[in-house]
C-alpha atoms as a PDB file:
ATOM      1  CA  MET A   1     121.362  71.344 202.478  1.00  0.00           C
ATOM      2  CA  ILE A   2     120.248  68.648 200.084  1.00  0.00           C
ATOM      3  CA  LYS A   3     122.830  67.439 197.603  1.00  0.00           C
ATOM      4  CA  LEU A   4     121.714  66.252 194.222  1.00  0.00           C
ATOM      5  CA  PRO A   5     123.624  63.649 192.166  1.00  0.00           C
ATOM      6  CA  ARG A   6     125.605  65.365 189.545  1.00  0.00           C
ATOM      7  CA  ARG A   7     123.882  63.761 186.633  1.00  0.00           C
ATOM      8  CA  ARG A   8     120.347  64.592 187.981  1.00  0.00           C
ATOM      9  CA  PHE A   9     121.508  68.162 188.608  1.00  0.00           C
ATOM     10  CA  LEU A  10     122.666  68.508 185.038  1.00  0.00           C
ATOM     11  CA  ARG A  11     119.375  67.073 183.703  1.00  0.00           C
ATOM     12  CA  LEU A  12     117.445  69.565 185.784  1.00  0.00           C
ATOM     13  CA  ALA A  13     119.693  72.458 184.681  1.00  0.00           C
ATOM     14  CA  ALA A  14     119.239  71.524 181.015  1.00  0.00           C
ATOM     15  CA  ALA A  15     115.536  71.410 181.429  1.00  0.00           C
ATOM     16  CA  VAL A  16     115.262  74.773 183.175  1.00  0.00           C
ATOM     17  CA  ALA A  17     117.872  76.686 181.137  1.00  0.00           C
ATOM     18  CA  PRO A  18     115.745  77.158 177.861  1.00  0.00           C
ATOM     19  CA  LEU A  19     112.839  78.655 179.744  1.00  0.00           C
ATOM     20  CA  PRO A  20     113.993  82.349 179.810  1.00  0.00           C
ATOM     21  CA  PHE A  21     114.555  82.104 176.061  1.00  0.00           C
ATOM     22  CA  LEU A  22     110.904  81.083 175.560  1.00  0.00           C
ATOM     23  CA  ALA A  23     109.692  84.269 177.283  1.00  0.00           C
ATOM     24  CA  ARG A  24     110.524  86.568 174.400  1.00  0.00           C
ATOM     25  CA  PRO A  25     108.759  84.833 171.601  1.00  0.00           C
ATOM     26  CA  ALA A  26     105.791  84.305 173.832  1.00  0.00           C
ATOM     27  CA  ALA A  27     105.618  87.982 174.552  1.00  0.00           C
ATOM     28  CA  ALA A  28     105.986  88.727 170.893  1.00  0.00           C
ATOM     29  CA  LEU A  29     103.239  86.232 170.079  1.00  0.00           C
ATOM     30  CA  ASP A  30     100.874  88.194 172.421  1.00  0.00           C
ATOM     31  CA  TYR A  31     102.077  91.687 171.397  1.00  0.00           C
ATOM     32  CA  PRO A  32     100.336  94.107 171.560  1.00  0.00           C
ATOM     33  CA  THR A  33      98.319  93.664 174.761  1.00  0.00           C
ATOM     34  CA  ARG A  34      97.719  97.303 175.323  1.00  0.00           C
ATOM     35  CA  PRO A  35      97.521 100.511 173.308  1.00  0.00           C
ATOM     36  CA  VAL A  36     100.622 101.506 171.451  1.00  0.00           C
ATOM     37  CA  HIS A  37     101.866 105.180 171.091  1.00  0.00           C
ATOM     38  CA  PHE A  38     102.834 106.224 167.568  1.00  0.00           C
ATOM     39  CA  ILE A  39     105.000 109.391 167.833  1.00  0.00           C
ATOM     40  CA  VAL A  40     105.045 112.036 165.036  1.00  0.00           C
ATOM     41  CA  GLY A  41     107.336 114.968 165.148  1.00  0.00           C
ATOM     42  CA  PHE A  42     105.018 117.301 163.236  1.00  0.00           C
ATOM     43  CA  PRO A  43     101.686 118.891 163.790  1.00  0.00           C
ATOM     44  CA  ALA A  44      98.410 117.218 162.824  1.00  0.00           C
ATOM     45  CA  GLY A  45      97.492 117.738 159.246  1.00  0.00           C
ATOM     46  CA  GLN A  46     101.008 117.757 157.816  1.00  0.00           C
ATOM     47  CA  ALA A  47     102.202 115.094 155.390  1.00  0.00           C
ATOM     48  CA  ALA A  48     104.049 113.075 158.038  1.00  0.00           C
ATOM     49  CA  ASP A  49     100.952 113.087 160.266  1.00  0.00           C
ATOM     50  CA  ILE A  50      98.635 111.960 157.483  1.00  0.00           C
ATOM     51  CA  ASN A  51     100.818 109.069 156.469  1.00  0.00           C
ATOM     52  CA  ALA A  52     101.394 107.928 160.012  1.00  0.00           C
ATOM     53  CA  ARG A  53      97.636 107.886 160.595  1.00  0.00           C
ATOM     54  CA  LEU A  54      97.125 105.614 157.679  1.00  0.00           C
ATOM     55  CA  PHE A  55      99.483 103.111 159.033  1.00  0.00           C
ATOM     56  CA  GLY A  56      98.323 103.618 162.629  1.00  0.00           C
ATOM     57  CA  GLN A  57      94.759 102.727 161.542  1.00  0.00           C
ATOM     58  CA  TRP A  58      95.993  99.686 159.649  1.00  0.00           C
ATOM     59  CA  LEU A  59      98.063  98.346 162.591  1.00  0.00           C
ATOM     60  CA  SER A  60      95.121  98.992 164.979  1.00  0.00           C
ATOM     61  CA  ASP A  61      92.774  97.006 162.714  1.00  0.00           C
ATOM     62  CA  HIS A  62      95.144  94.090 162.205  1.00  0.00           C
ATOM     63  CA  LEU A  63      96.907  93.821 165.551  1.00  0.00           C
ATOM     64  CA  GLY A  64      93.796  94.276 167.753  1.00  0.00           C
ATOM     65  CA  GLN A  65      95.019  97.267 169.841  1.00  0.00           C
ATOM     66  CA  PRO A  66      94.756 100.985 169.260  1.00  0.00           C
ATOM     67  CA  PHE A  67      97.899 102.552 167.735  1.00  0.00           C
ATOM     68  CA  VAL A  68      97.446 106.141 169.111  1.00  0.00           C
ATOM     69  CA  ILE A  69      99.028 108.966 167.067  1.00  0.00           C
ATOM     70  CA  ASP A  70     100.852 111.201 169.374  1.00  0.00           C
ATOM     71  CA  ASN A  71     101.973 114.418 167.722  1.00  0.00           C
ATOM     72  CA  ARG A  72     105.183 115.874 169.454  1.00  0.00           C
ATOM     73  CA  PRO A  73     106.333 118.706 167.033  1.00  0.00           C
ATOM     74  CA  GLY A  74     109.579 120.549 167.570  1.00  0.00           C
ATOM     75  CA  ALA A  75     113.009 120.944 166.111  1.00  0.00           C
ATOM     76  CA  SER A  76     112.295 118.976 162.866  1.00  0.00           C
ATOM     77  CA  SER A  77     111.270 115.687 164.802  1.00  0.00           C
ATOM     78  CA  THR A  78     114.131 115.936 167.334  1.00  0.00           C
ATOM     79  CA  VAL A  79     111.657 116.231 170.248  1.00  0.00           C
ATOM     80  CA  ALA A  80     109.755 113.162 169.049  1.00  0.00           C
ATOM     81  CA  THR A  81     112.941 111.111 168.368  1.00  0.00           C
ATOM     82  CA  ASP A  82     114.413 111.927 171.699  1.00  0.00           C
ATOM     83  CA  LEU A  83     111.135 110.754 173.335  1.00  0.00           C
ATOM     84  CA  VAL A  84     111.251 107.387 171.562  1.00  0.00           C
ATOM     85  CA  VAL A  85     115.011 106.759 171.911  1.00  0.00           C
ATOM     86  CA  HIS A  86     114.639 106.972 175.704  1.00  0.00           C
ATOM     87  CA  ALA A  87     111.410 104.804 176.032  1.00  0.00           C
ATOM     88  CA  PRO A  88     111.360 101.240 177.230  1.00  0.00           C
ATOM     89  CA  PRO A  89     112.348  98.911 174.273  1.00  0.00           C
ATOM     90  CA  ASP A  90     109.051  96.959 174.456  1.00  0.00           C
ATOM     91  CA  GLY A  91     107.386  97.881 171.337  1.00  0.00           C
ATOM     92  CA  TYR A  92     104.762 100.265 172.829  1.00  0.00           C
ATOM     93  CA  MET A  93     106.287 103.431 171.534  1.00  0.00           C
ATOM     94  CA  LEU A  94     106.975 103.822 167.800  1.00  0.00           C
ATOM     95  CA  LEU A  95     108.598 106.563 165.865  1.00  0.00           C
ATOM     96  CA  TRP A  96     107.380 107.903 162.551  1.00  0.00           C
ATOM     97  CA  VAL A  97     110.786 108.268 160.858  1.00  0.00           C
ATOM     98  CA  VAL A  98     111.109 111.062 158.382  1.00  0.00           C
ATOM     99  CA  SER A  99     113.849 112.593 156.213  1.00  0.00           C
ATOM    100  CA  SER A 100     114.660 115.137 158.918  1.00  0.00           C
ATOM    101  CA  ASN A 101     115.979 112.297 161.068  1.00  0.00           C
ATOM    102  CA  TYR A 102     118.650 111.589 158.431  1.00  0.00           C
ATOM    103  CA  ILE A 103     119.342 115.332 157.992  1.00  0.00           C
ATOM    104  CA  ASN A 104     119.447 116.292 161.750  1.00  0.00           C
ATOM    105  CA  THR A 105     122.475 114.013 162.196  1.00  0.00           C
ATOM    106  CA  THR A 106     124.653 116.566 160.403  1.00  0.00           C
ATOM    107  CA  LEU A 107     122.560 119.724 160.867  1.00  0.00           C
ATOM    108  CA  TYR A 108     122.747 119.777 164.685  1.00  0.00           C
ATOM    109  CA  LYS A 109     125.979 120.259 166.601  1.00  0.00           C
ATOM    110  CA  LYS A 110     124.751 118.073 169.478  1.00  0.00           C
ATOM    111  CA  LEU A 111     121.714 115.763 169.726  1.00  0.00           C
ATOM    112  CA  PRO A 112     120.618 113.938 172.761  1.00  0.00           C
ATOM    113  CA  TYR A 113     120.866 110.745 170.863  1.00  0.00           C
ATOM    114  CA  ASP A 114     122.696 108.992 168.067  1.00  0.00           C
ATOM    115  CA  PHE A 115     119.896 108.304 165.554  1.00  0.00           C
ATOM    116  CA  ILE A 116     121.643 105.436 163.602  1.00  0.00           C
ATOM    117  CA  HIS A 117     122.741 103.612 166.661  1.00  0.00           C
ATOM    118  CA  ASP A 118     119.824 104.456 169.065  1.00  0.00           C
ATOM    119  CA  ILE A 119     116.778 103.685 166.880  1.00  0.00           C
ATOM    120  CA  GLU A 120     116.048 100.180 165.712  1.00  0.00           C
ATOM    121  CA  PRO A 121     114.700 100.301 161.997  1.00  0.00           C
ATOM    122  CA  VAL A 122     111.388  98.420 161.577  1.00  0.00           C
ATOM    123  CA  ALA A 123     110.328  99.133 157.995  1.00  0.00           C
ATOM    124  CA  SER A 124     110.418 101.788 155.380  1.00  0.00           C
ATOM    125  CA  THR A 125     106.965 102.825 154.290  1.00  0.00           C
ATOM    126  CA  THR A 126     106.693 105.196 151.340  1.00  0.00           C
ATOM    127  CA  ARG A 127     108.820 107.482 149.217  1.00  0.00           C
ATOM    128  CA  THR A 128     107.129 110.761 148.636  1.00  0.00           C
ATOM    129  CA  PRO A 129     108.195 113.208 145.834  1.00  0.00           C
ATOM    130  CA  LEU A 130     108.467 116.736 146.294  1.00  0.00           C
ATOM    131  CA  VAL A 131     107.385 119.298 143.597  1.00  0.00           C
ATOM    132  CA  MET A 132     109.164 122.450 142.538  1.00  0.00           C
ATOM    133  CA  GLU A 133     106.505 125.108 142.463  1.00  0.00           C
ATOM    134  CA  VAL A 134     106.360 128.757 142.048  1.00  0.00           C
ATOM    135  CA  THR A 135     103.941 131.660 142.769  1.00  0.00           C
ATOM    136  CA  PRO A 136     101.577 132.194 139.668  1.00  0.00           C
ATOM    137  CA  SER A 137     102.940 135.734 139.375  1.00  0.00           C
ATOM    138  CA  LEU A 138     106.513 134.774 138.692  1.00  0.00           C
ATOM    139  CA  PRO A 139     106.984 135.007 134.937  1.00  0.00           C
ATOM    140  CA  VAL A 140     108.489 131.448 134.449  1.00  0.00           C
ATOM    141  CA  HIS A 141     106.830 128.210 133.361  1.00  0.00           C
ATOM    142  CA  THR A 142     109.739 125.699 133.209  1.00  0.00           C
ATOM    143  CA  VAL A 143     112.805 124.837 135.251  1.00  0.00           C
ATOM    144  CA  PRO A 144     115.198 126.317 132.643  1.00  0.00           C
ATOM    145  CA  GLU A 145     113.267 129.553 132.632  1.00  0.00           C
ATOM    146  CA  PHE A 146     113.378 129.650 136.397  1.00  0.00           C
ATOM    147  CA  ILE A 147     117.187 129.072 136.501  1.00  0.00           C
ATOM    148  CA  ALA A 148     117.687 131.849 133.955  1.00  0.00           C
ATOM    149  CA  TYR A 149     115.478 134.260 135.862  1.00  0.00           C
ATOM    150  CA  ALA A 150     117.138 133.396 139.186  1.00  0.00           C
ATOM    151  CA  LYS A 151     120.584 133.945 137.686  1.00  0.00           C
ATOM    152  CA  ALA A 152     119.404 137.324 136.289  1.00  0.00           C
ATOM    153  CA  HIS A 153     118.047 138.252 139.748  1.00  0.00           C
ATOM    154  CA  PRO A 154     120.695 136.764 142.296  1.00  0.00           C
ATOM    155  CA  GLY A 155     119.579 137.065 145.956  1.00  0.00           C
ATOM    156  CA  LYS A 156     116.208 138.549 144.928  1.00  0.00           C
ATOM    157  CA  LEU A 157     114.058 135.431 144.972  1.00  0.00           C
ATOM    158  CA  TYR A 158     112.710 133.979 148.271  1.00  0.00           C
ATOM    159  CA  MET A 159     112.639 130.212 148.677  1.00  0.00           C
ATOM    160  CA  ALA A 160     110.084 129.056 151.308  1.00  0.00           C
ATOM    161  CA  SER A 161     110.439 125.799 153.326  1.00  0.00           C
ATOM    162  CA  GLY A 162     108.537 124.018 155.997  1.00  0.00           C
ATOM    163  CA  GLY A 163     111.281 124.618 158.523  1.00  0.00           C
ATOM    164  CA  ASN A 164     115.151 124.647 158.889  1.00  0.00           C
ATOM    165  CA  GLY A 165     116.607 121.208 158.147  1.00  0.00           C
ATOM    166  CA  ASN A 166     113.465 119.393 156.892  1.00  0.00           C
ATOM    167  CA  SER A 167     113.156 117.825 153.490  1.00  0.00           C
ATOM    168  CA  THR A 168     111.517 120.856 151.903  1.00  0.00           C
ATOM    169  CA  HIS A 169     114.624 122.893 152.890  1.00  0.00           C
ATOM    170  CA  MET A 170     117.201 120.441 151.835  1.00  0.00           C
ATOM    171  CA  ALA A 171     115.575 119.697 148.451  1.00  0.00           C
ATOM    172  CA  GLY A 172     115.893 123.424 147.805  1.00  0.00           C
ATOM    173  CA  GLU A 173     119.470 123.639 149.035  1.00  0.00           C
ATOM    174  CA  LEU A 174     120.369 120.706 146.797  1.00  0.00           C
ATOM    175  CA  PHE A 175     118.746 122.560 143.796  1.00  0.00           C
ATOM    176  CA  LYS A 176     120.711 125.755 144.667  1.00  0.00           C
ATOM    177  CA  MET A 177     123.880 123.762 144.819  1.00  0.00           C
ATOM    178  CA  MET A 178     123.464 121.895 141.499  1.00  0.00           C
ATOM    179  CA  ALA A 179     121.776 124.671 139.423  1.00  0.00           C
ATOM    180  CA  GLY A 180     124.131 127.368 140.635  1.00  0.00           C
ATOM    181  CA  VAL A 181     121.474 129.845 141.746  1.00  0.00           C
ATOM    182  CA  ASP A 182     121.373 132.202 144.712  1.00  0.00           C
ATOM    183  CA  LEU A 183     117.881 131.906 146.548  1.00  0.00           C
ATOM    184  CA  VAL A 184     117.203 133.400 149.966  1.00  0.00           C
ATOM    185  CA  HIS A 185     115.808 130.742 152.227  1.00  0.00           C
ATOM    186  CA  VAL A 186     112.688 131.539 154.290  1.00  0.00           C
ATOM    187  CA  PRO A 187     111.762 128.875 156.844  1.00  0.00           C
ATOM    188  CA  TYR A 188     108.226 128.609 158.226  1.00  0.00           C
ATOM    189  CA  ARG A 189     106.606 126.542 160.915  1.00  0.00           C
ATOM    190  CA  GLY A 190     105.301 123.836 158.618  1.00  0.00           C
ATOM    191  CA  SER A 191     104.205 123.826 154.911  1.00  0.00           C
ATOM    192  CA  ALA A 192     100.782 125.293 155.437  1.00  0.00           C
ATOM    193  CA  PRO A 193     101.925 128.849 156.233  1.00  0.00           C
ATOM    194  CA  ALA A 194     104.654 128.654 153.622  1.00  0.00           C
ATOM    195  CA  LEU A 195     102.117 127.675 150.961  1.00  0.00           C
ATOM    196  CA  THR A 196      99.773 130.594 152.067  1.00  0.00           C
ATOM    197  CA  ASP A 197     102.625 133.045 151.447  1.00  0.00           C
ATOM    198  CA  LEU A 198     103.665 131.315 148.242  1.00  0.00           C
ATOM    199  CA  ILE A 199     100.119 131.627 146.753  1.00  0.00           C
ATOM    200  CA  ALA A 200     100.141 135.220 147.830  1.00  0.00           C
ATOM    201  CA  GLY A 201     103.548 135.933 146.228  1.00  0.00           C
ATOM    202  CA  ARG A 202     105.377 136.965 149.388  1.00  0.00           C
ATOM    203  CA  VAL A 203     107.819 134.225 148.536  1.00  0.00           C
ATOM    204  CA  GLN A 204     108.499 132.940 144.928  1.00  0.00           C
ATOM    205  CA  VAL A 205     109.545 129.237 145.077  1.00  0.00           C
ATOM    206  CA  MET A 206     109.160 126.177 147.207  1.00  0.00           C
ATOM    207  CA  PHE A 207     110.133 122.439 147.033  1.00  0.00           C
ATOM    208  CA  ASP A 208     107.119 121.012 148.810  1.00  0.00           C
ATOM    209  CA  LEU A 209     106.026 117.466 149.625  1.00  0.00           C
ATOM    210  CA  MET A 210     103.441 116.551 146.885  1.00  0.00           C
ATOM    211  CA  GLY A 211     100.946 115.389 149.384  1.00  0.00           C
ATOM    212  CA  SER A 212     100.951 118.869 151.028  1.00  0.00           C
ATOM    213  CA  SER A 213     100.632 120.814 147.742  1.00  0.00           C
ATOM    214  CA  ILE A 214      98.609 118.582 145.511  1.00  0.00           C
ATOM    215  CA  SER A 215      95.208 120.125 146.209  1.00  0.00           C
ATOM    216  CA  GLN A 216      96.550 123.637 145.663  1.00  0.00           C
ATOM    217  CA  ILE A 217      98.210 122.535 142.356  1.00  0.00           C
ATOM    218  CA  LYS A 218      95.029 120.860 141.054  1.00  0.00           C
ATOM    219  CA  ALA A 219      93.095 124.035 142.051  1.00  0.00           C
ATOM    220  CA  GLY A 220      95.472 126.179 139.955  1.00  0.00           C
ATOM    221  CA  LYS A 221      96.659 128.199 142.807  1.00  0.00           C
ATOM    222  CA  LEU A 222     100.249 127.265 142.247  1.00  0.00           C
ATOM    223  CA  ARG A 223     102.335 126.619 139.139  1.00  0.00           C
ATOM    224  CA  VAL A 224     104.258 123.418 139.352  1.00  0.00           C
ATOM    225  CA  LEU A 225     107.453 123.163 137.367  1.00  0.00           C
ATOM    226  CA  ALA A 226     108.779 119.777 137.986  1.00  0.00           C
ATOM    227  CA  VAL A 227     108.946 116.698 140.306  1.00  0.00           C
ATOM    228  CA  THR A 228     112.012 116.064 142.406  1.00  0.00           C
ATOM    229  CA  THR A 229     112.384 112.317 142.003  1.00  0.00           C
ATOM    230  CA  ALA A 230     114.427 110.361 139.543  1.00  0.00           C
ATOM    231  CA  SER A 231     111.210 109.111 137.681  1.00  0.00           C
ATOM    232  CA  ARG A 232     108.022 110.682 136.915  1.00  0.00           C
ATOM    233  CA  SER A 233     105.213 110.601 139.463  1.00  0.00           C
ATOM    234  CA  PRO A 234     102.101 108.473 138.686  1.00  0.00           C
ATOM    235  CA  THR A 235     100.057 111.188 140.413  1.00  0.00           C
ATOM    236  CA  LEU A 236     101.177 113.933 137.939  1.00  0.00           C
ATOM    237  CA  PRO A 237     102.412 111.816 134.955  1.00  0.00           C
ATOM    238  CA  ASP A 238     102.842 114.836 132.591  1.00  0.00           C
ATOM    239  CA  LEU A 239     105.168 116.690 134.981  1.00  0.00           C
ATOM    240  CA  PRO A 240     108.817 116.607 134.077  1.00  0.00           C
ATOM    241  CA  MET A 241     111.604 115.752 136.509  1.00  0.00           C
ATOM    242  CA  VAL A 242     113.992 118.463 137.822  1.00  0.00           C
ATOM    243  CA  GLY A 243     116.748 116.023 136.716  1.00  0.00           C
ATOM    244  CA  ASP A 244     115.706 116.493 133.179  1.00  0.00           C
ATOM    245  CA  PHE A 245     117.246 119.951 133.325  1.00  0.00           C
ATOM    246  CA  VAL A 246     119.599 119.506 136.283  1.00  0.00           C
ATOM    247  CA  PRO A 247     121.359 116.195 135.626  1.00  0.00           C
ATOM    248  CA  GLY A 248     121.722 113.944 138.688  1.00  0.00           C
ATOM    249  CA  TYR A 249     119.241 115.941 140.772  1.00  0.00           C
ATOM    250  CA  GLU A 250     117.101 113.694 142.997  1.00  0.00           C
ATOM    251  CA  ALA A 251     115.179 114.449 146.265  1.00  0.00           C
ATOM    252  CA  SER A 252     112.387 112.626 148.045  1.00  0.00           C
ATOM    253  CA  ALA A 253     111.038 112.096 151.449  1.00  0.00           C
ATOM    254  CA  MET A 254     111.421 108.572 152.810  1.00  0.00           C
ATOM    255  CA  GLY A 255     109.035 107.624 155.533  1.00  0.00           C
ATOM    256  CA  GLY A 256     109.448 104.647 157.906  1.00  0.00           C
ATOM    257  CA  VAL A 257     108.780 103.295 161.421  1.00  0.00           C
ATOM    258  CA  GLY A 258     111.432 102.910 164.226  1.00  0.00           C
ATOM    259  CA  VAL A 259     111.562 101.675 167.781  1.00  0.00           C
ATOM    260  CA  PRO A 260     113.973 102.039 170.612  1.00  0.00           C
ATOM    261  CA  LYS A 261     117.233 100.117 170.279  1.00  0.00           C
ATOM    262  CA  GLY A 262     116.958  96.755 171.987  1.00  0.00           C
ATOM    263  CA  THR A 263     113.345  96.122 171.232  1.00  0.00           C
ATOM    264  CA  PRO A 264     112.898  92.321 170.801  1.00  0.00           C
ATOM    265  CA  ALA A 265     113.443  91.122 167.252  1.00  0.00           C
ATOM    266  CA  GLU A 266     110.217  89.205 167.340  1.00  0.00           C
ATOM    267  CA  ILE A 267     108.266  92.402 167.818  1.00  0.00           C
ATOM    268  CA  VAL A 268     110.207  94.207 165.130  1.00  0.00           C
ATOM    269  CA  ASP A 269     109.513  91.355 162.785  1.00  0.00           C
ATOM    270  CA  LYS A 270     105.762  91.298 163.671  1.00  0.00           C
ATOM    271  CA  LEU A 271     105.456  95.128 162.966  1.00  0.00           C
ATOM    272  CA  ASN A 272     107.489  94.721 159.756  1.00  0.00           C
ATOM    273  CA  LYS A 273     105.216  91.914 158.504  1.00  0.00           C
ATOM    274  CA  GLU A 274     102.098  94.102 159.074  1.00  0.00           C
ATOM    275  CA  ILE A 275     103.597  97.265 157.617  1.00  0.00           C
ATOM    276  CA  ASN A 276     104.617  95.413 154.485  1.00  0.00           C
ATOM    277  CA  ALA A 277     101.049  93.866 154.312  1.00  0.00           C
ATOM    278  CA  ALA A 278      99.706  97.513 154.306  1.00  0.00           C
ATOM    279  CA  LEU A 279     102.143  98.487 151.549  1.00  0.00           C
ATOM    280  CA  ASN A 280     100.869  95.652 149.333  1.00  0.00           C
ATOM    281  CA  ASP A 281      97.140  96.267 149.992  1.00  0.00           C
ATOM    282  CA  THR A 282      95.169  97.605 146.969  1.00  0.00           C
ATOM    283  CA  THR A 283      93.073 100.074 148.999  1.00  0.00           C
ATOM    284  CA  MET A 284      96.105 101.432 150.923  1.00  0.00           C
ATOM    285  CA  LYS A 285      98.088 101.853 147.577  1.00  0.00           C
ATOM    286  CA  ALA A 286      95.233 103.963 146.229  1.00  0.00           C
ATOM    287  CA  ARG A 287      95.410 106.158 149.457  1.00  0.00           C
ATOM    288  CA  PHE A 288      99.132 106.515 148.871  1.00  0.00           C
ATOM    289  CA  ALA A 289      98.638 107.557 145.363  1.00  0.00           C
ATOM    290  CA  ASP A 290      96.308 110.256 146.453  1.00  0.00           C
ATOM    291  CA  LEU A 291      99.135 111.583 148.542  1.00  0.00           C
ATOM    292  CA  GLY A 292     101.706 111.272 145.776  1.00  0.00           C
ATOM    293  CA  SER A 293     103.486 108.524 147.599  1.00  0.00           C
ATOM    294  CA  VAL A 294     105.008 105.322 146.370  1.00  0.00           C
ATOM    295  CA  PRO A 295     105.156 102.129 148.651  1.00  0.00           C
ATOM    296  CA  VAL A 296     108.810 100.959 149.448  1.00  0.00           C
ATOM    297  CA  PRO A 297     108.403  97.586 151.123  1.00  0.00           C
ATOM    298  CA  GLY A 298     111.411  95.714 152.643  1.00  0.00           C
ATOM    299  CA  SER A 299     113.063  94.214 155.629  1.00  0.00           C
ATOM    300  CA  PRO A 300     114.399  95.949 158.721  1.00  0.00           C
ATOM    301  CA  ALA A 301     117.851  95.509 157.182  1.00  0.00           C
ATOM    302  CA  ASP A 302     116.756  97.197 154.011  1.00  0.00           C
ATOM    303  CA  PHE A 303     115.479 100.215 155.913  1.00  0.00           C
ATOM    304  CA  ALA A 304     118.773 100.400 157.820  1.00  0.00           C
ATOM    305  CA  GLU A 305     120.676 100.662 154.567  1.00  0.00           C
ATOM    306  CA  ARG A 306     118.302 103.420 153.292  1.00  0.00           C
ATOM    307  CA  ILE A 307     118.810 105.371 156.539  1.00  0.00           C
ATOM    308  CA  ARG A 308     122.524 105.103 156.087  1.00  0.00           C
ATOM    309  CA  SER A 309     122.631 106.224 152.484  1.00  0.00           C
ATOM    310  CA  GLU A 310     120.177 109.113 152.971  1.00  0.00           C
ATOM    311  CA  THR A 311     122.248 110.298 156.015  1.00  0.00           C
ATOM    312  CA  GLU A 312     125.343 110.364 153.851  1.00  0.00           C
ATOM    313  CA  LYS A 313     123.725 112.119 150.963  1.00  0.00           C
ATOM    314  CA  TRP A 314     122.297 115.060 153.030  1.00  0.00           C
ATOM    315  CA  ALA A 315     125.446 115.408 154.981  1.00  0.00           C
ATOM    316  CA  LYS A 316     127.224 116.293 151.713  1.00  0.00           C
ATOM    317  CA  VAL A 317     124.579 118.852 150.753  1.00  0.00           C
ATOM    318  CA  ILE A 318     124.820 120.486 154.212  1.00  0.00           C
ATOM    319  CA  SER A 319     128.627 120.673 153.970  1.00  0.00           C
ATOM    320  CA  PHE A 320     128.775 121.981 150.464  1.00  0.00           C
ATOM    321  CA  ALA A 321     126.147 124.554 151.150  1.00  0.00           C
ATOM    322  CA  GLY A 322     127.903 125.799 154.216  1.00  0.00           C
ATOM    323  CA  ILE A 323     124.874 125.470 156.327  1.00  0.00           C
ATOM    324  CA  LYS A 324     125.666 126.413 159.971  1.00  0.00           C
ATOM    325  CA  LYS A 325     124.872 123.739 162.469  1.00  0.00           C
ATOM    326  CA  LEU A 326     122.002 124.609 164.814  1.00  0.00           C
END
C-alpha cells in the first residue's frame, strides 16, 4: 500500500471534498431533462384542473420539457397527495396544492402522510373567490334576505357542495357557523353535478368557486348574492361581499405547487422563479381574471406560512361545526 505524505494527502482531500456539493447545483441547472408529472387531485374540467393546466403549459414553454397534467381524483386530493409524498424527491412529480390539503389535515382521522411536514412548498399561485349563489326559484335576492329566509325555515334548505371537506363545503360551514343558520349539506362528486341540481332547484344554495360558476352566472341561470373574499372581485365588481352582512366572514381557495420533502432547494427555487414569472405575465393575468382568480406571488417560505394559517383556520371551523372526521 502506497502511503502519501500527510500534507499531500490533505491537499488532495481538500480538492476532492467539494465535488459532491457541486453535483446538486449542476443537476438543478439542467432540470428538467425529461417530462415532469403534475398531479391534480380532481377530474379534468374542474377549477383545480383548469388552473393547473395554465401553469403546466407555462412551465412546459419556459423550461423546455412537457409538464404533463395527471388527474388522480379521490378523497378531496388525498389520493393525489399520497402519490406525490411518496415519489422520489427529484422534481419530476409536482402536486397542485388546493384548500382541501389544508382542510384534510383536520377532517381525516388518519392520513397516510403529514401534509405540512411531507410536502415541500414551492409557490402559491392564485387566490380564487367563491360566490354565494342560489337557485333562481328561491325568493331571496340578498344575503340578509337569505339569512332571514333560512332562519324562518330551519333545516329545510339544502346546501350543495363539490364534495365533503373541499373548499365549497367549508365555505358553507363557515357561513352556517357565523350567520347562525341551519342548512342541510348535500355533497356531490364535483361542482358540475352540484350546479346542475342547483339550477334545477333540487338544492337551494351553494358556495362555489367563481371559476366554476362564472359562465352560469353570466348566463342568468343562477342568482349570485355575494363574493366570499374580504374584498370585491375584479371579475364581478358590483357584487357585495358576504362579510358586508356577516362581519369577519372570509373564504377563498388558495392554489399552489408542492413537491416531495427533500427535493433539492435549487430545483424548488427554479420552479418558484418560473411560477412567479407566470403570475406577473400580462397574458396570464388576463386568463386568471377570466377564472375570477387573483395572482399571489411569493417565496416558498411565504407559501409555507399561508399553508400554516389556512390549516389552523379550517381546523377551527371543523371543530366548531362538529364535523365528524372521515
